[in-house]
């Protein structure tokens, strides 16, 4: 038995059939639903769609997918795994670079707040400004880490961003207390 890659029509049909069955809908009920939505089909047409033997216009496929609760993006374009890995890795690298820039902007703003507090001591009740700067920088870094942890979907991405934030936060703390990280 020779294994062949399913055609786009077959993958679409399989998704329609899986979605239809998951909601206990008959082919006739799906045909009626689509007919009401402006795509006149009968149960035998639904059967052919599910087998991948009935071609659909793009507008028809979009309507069927929308009514069945999925996106045509779900079907993908059968990118080879090696190429998909490279694409995904590049996207991750780009996102990490963007996250790094965002963290640097947060650190710069935090330093601006420290400068403002130090420049306006009468407006704030601080007994040890250098200790307060260190504590505030650590609190800000922890807040950023918690924010990231709630938004990252993978442990790897979370760890990479956490490492980046900790590095930038350490630089921010060193700057706040006037230490040179090279000493």
Protein backbone atom coordinates (compact mmCIF):
# COMPACT_ATOMS: atom_id res chain seq x y z
CA UNK A 1 0.00 0.00 0.00
CA UNK A 2 1.49 3.30 -1.10
CA UNK A 3 1.10 6.30 1.23
CA UNK A 4 0.06 9.51 -0.49
CA UNK A 5 -0.24 12.95 1.00
CA UNK A 6 -3.91 13.98 1.22
CA UNK A 7 -4.95 16.69 -1.22
CA UNK A 8 -6.17 20.04 0.01
CA UNK A 9 -9.72 18.99 -0.88
CA UNK A 10 -9.33 15.78 1.16
CA UNK A 11 -7.95 17.67 4.18
CA UNK A 12 -10.80 20.19 3.92
CA UNK A 13 -13.36 17.39 3.62
CA UNK A 14 -11.90 15.55 6.60
CA UNK A 15 -12.10 18.73 8.70
CA UNK A 16 -15.73 19.32 7.67
CA UNK A 17 -16.64 15.71 8.50
CA UNK A 18 -14.82 15.83 11.87
CA UNK A 19 -16.51 19.10 12.84
CA UNK A 20 -19.92 17.89 11.68
CA UNK A 21 -19.62 14.65 13.65
CA UNK A 22 -18.34 16.45 16.76
CA UNK A 23 -21.66 18.30 16.99
CA UNK A 24 -23.75 15.24 16.05
CA UNK A 25 -24.99 16.86 12.85
CA UNK A 26 -26.17 14.81 9.88
CA UNK A 27 -25.04 15.53 6.34
CA UNK A 28 -28.62 16.54 5.57
CA UNK A 29 -28.67 19.02 8.48
CA UNK A 30 -25.38 20.53 7.29
CA UNK A 31 -26.75 20.78 3.74
CA UNK A 32 -29.85 22.57 5.09
CA UNK A 33 -27.70 24.95 7.16
CA UNK A 34 -25.55 25.84 4.15
CA UNK A 35 -28.59 26.20 1.88
CA UNK A 36 -30.12 28.65 4.36
CA UNK A 37 -26.80 30.57 4.36
CA UNK A 38 -26.93 30.90 0.56
CA UNK A 39 -25.04 27.81 -0.63
CA UNK A 40 -27.61 25.35 -1.97
CA UNK A 41 -26.31 21.83 -1.40
CA UNK A 42 -27.84 18.44 -0.73
CA UNK A 43 -26.59 15.60 1.49
CA UNK A 44 -24.85 13.84 -1.41
CA UNK A 45 -22.84 17.03 -2.14
CA UNK A 46 -21.79 17.14 1.53
CA UNK A 47 -20.70 13.50 1.25
CA UNK A 48 -18.55 14.31 -1.80
CA UNK A 49 -17.07 17.37 -0.07
CA UNK A 50 -16.16 15.22 2.93
CA UNK A 51 -14.50 12.65 0.65
CA UNK A 52 -12.60 15.41 -1.16
CA UNK A 53 -14.16 14.57 -4.52
CA UNK A 54 -16.30 17.71 -4.92
CA UNK A 55 -14.40 20.91 -5.70
CA UNK A 56 -15.51 24.10 -4.02
CA UNK A 57 -15.09 27.70 -5.05
CA UNK A 58 -13.10 29.75 -2.57
CA UNK A 59 -16.23 31.65 -1.48
CA UNK A 60 -18.00 28.31 -0.87
CA UNK A 61 -15.09 26.91 1.12
CA UNK A 62 -14.98 30.06 3.25
CA UNK A 63 -18.71 29.81 3.97
CA UNK A 64 -18.52 26.11 4.87
CA UNK A 65 -15.49 26.70 7.11
CA UNK A 66 -17.13 29.67 8.82
CA UNK A 67 -20.35 27.73 9.47
CA UNK A 68 -18.37 24.77 10.81
CA UNK A 69 -16.21 26.97 13.05
CA UNK A 70 -12.75 26.71 11.52
CA UNK A 71 -10.41 28.79 9.41
CA UNK A 72 -8.95 27.77 6.09
CA UNK A 73 -5.56 28.59 7.66
CA UNK A 74 -6.01 25.40 9.65
CA UNK A 75 -5.44 23.39 6.49
CA UNK A 76 -1.94 24.78 5.97
CA UNK A 77 0.05 24.53 2.80
CA UNK A 78 2.04 21.35 3.47
CA UNK A 79 5.32 23.15 4.08
CA UNK A 80 8.15 20.64 4.57
CA UNK A 81 8.96 20.24 8.30
CA UNK A 82 12.52 21.50 7.87
CA UNK A 83 11.31 24.70 6.20
CA UNK A 84 8.55 25.18 8.76
CA UNK A 85 11.10 24.83 11.58
CA UNK A 86 13.30 27.50 9.99
CA UNK A 87 10.30 29.82 9.56
CA UNK A 88 9.13 29.29 13.14
CA UNK A 89 12.65 29.75 14.54
CA UNK A 90 13.06 33.01 12.60
CA UNK A 91 9.69 34.25 13.93
CA UNK A 92 10.79 33.37 17.48
CA UNK A 93 14.11 35.16 17.01
CA UNK A 94 12.31 38.23 15.64
CA UNK A 95 9.89 38.20 18.58
CA UNK A 96 12.71 37.85 21.08
CA UNK A 97 14.52 40.80 19.48
CA UNK A 98 11.33 42.86 19.69
CA UNK A 99 10.83 41.77 23.30
CA UNK A 100 14.41 42.75 24.08
CA UNK A 101 13.85 46.20 22.65
CA UNK A 102 10.62 46.54 24.64
CA UNK A 103 12.41 45.51 27.83
CA UNK A 104 15.17 48.03 27.13
CA UNK A 105 12.51 50.73 26.71
CA UNK A 106 10.93 49.69 30.03
CA UNK A 107 14.35 49.82 31.72
CA UNK A 108 15.01 53.29 30.24
CA UNK A 109 11.64 54.52 31.51
CA UNK A 110 12.36 53.01 34.93
CA UNK A 111 15.68 54.86 35.00
CA UNK A 112 13.81 58.03 34.03
CA UNK A 113 11.49 57.55 37.00
CA UNK A 114 14.49 57.00 39.28
CA UNK A 115 16.06 60.22 37.95
CA UNK A 116 12.78 62.08 38.50
CA UNK A 117 12.52 60.84 42.09
CA UNK A 118 16.14 61.74 42.80
CA UNK A 119 15.71 65.18 41.18
CA UNK A 120 12.58 65.96 43.21
CA UNK A 121 13.33 64.62 46.71
CA UNK A 122 10.95 67.05 48.40
CA UNK A 123 8.02 65.49 46.58
CA UNK A 124 8.79 62.01 47.97
CA UNK A 125 9.37 60.63 51.43
CA UNK A 126 12.55 58.61 50.92
CA UNK A 127 15.14 58.01 53.60
CA UNK A 128 17.59 56.06 51.48
CA UNK A 129 17.25 57.00 47.77
CA UNK A 130 19.95 54.60 46.59
CA UNK A 131 18.26 51.69 48.42
CA UNK A 132 14.88 52.78 47.08
CA UNK A 133 16.24 52.82 43.50
CA UNK A 134 17.53 49.27 43.88
CA UNK A 135 14.29 48.03 45.42
CA UNK A 136 12.16 49.79 42.80
CA UNK A 137 14.29 48.37 39.97
CA UNK A 138 13.92 44.86 41.40
CA UNK A 139 10.17 45.33 41.85
CA UNK A 140 9.83 46.57 38.28
CA UNK A 141 11.85 43.61 36.97
CA UNK A 142 9.65 41.19 38.93
CA UNK A 143 6.50 42.88 37.60
CA UNK A 144 7.77 42.57 34.02
CA UNK A 145 8.65 38.89 34.62
CA UNK A 146 5.17 38.16 36.01
CA UNK A 147 3.57 39.97 33.06
CA UNK A 148 5.62 37.94 30.60
CA UNK A 149 4.95 34.66 32.42
CA UNK A 150 1.21 35.13 32.01
CA UNK A 151 1.48 35.85 28.28
CA UNK A 152 4.06 33.31 27.07
CA UNK A 153 2.66 30.03 25.81
CA UNK A 154 5.82 27.93 25.92
CA UNK A 155 8.36 27.38 28.65
CA UNK A 156 11.22 27.93 26.17
CA UNK A 157 9.92 31.35 25.10
CA UNK A 158 9.22 32.32 28.72
CA UNK A 159 12.72 31.28 29.81
CA UNK A 160 14.39 33.13 26.94
CA UNK A 161 12.48 36.33 27.71
CA UNK A 162 13.02 35.90 31.47
CA UNK A 163 16.77 35.65 30.88
CA UNK A 164 16.66 38.76 28.71
CA UNK A 165 14.63 40.70 31.30
CA UNK A 166 16.92 39.63 34.14
CA UNK A 167 19.97 40.80 32.18
CA UNK A 168 18.42 44.17 31.42
CA UNK A 169 17.15 44.49 35.02
CA UNK A 170 20.63 43.74 36.38
CA UNK A 171 22.06 46.49 34.18
CA UNK A 172 19.28 48.82 35.36
CA UNK A 173 20.03 48.05 39.04
CA UNK A 174 23.76 48.56 38.47
CA UNK A 175 23.03 51.91 36.81
CA UNK A 176 20.67 52.92 39.64
CA UNK A 177 23.26 52.31 42.38
CA UNK A 178 26.17 53.57 40.28
CA UNK A 179 28.11 50.33 39.99
CA UNK A 180 30.11 49.33 36.96
CA UNK A 181 29.21 45.76 36.01
CA UNK A 182 32.83 45.20 34.94
CA UNK A 183 34.27 45.69 38.46
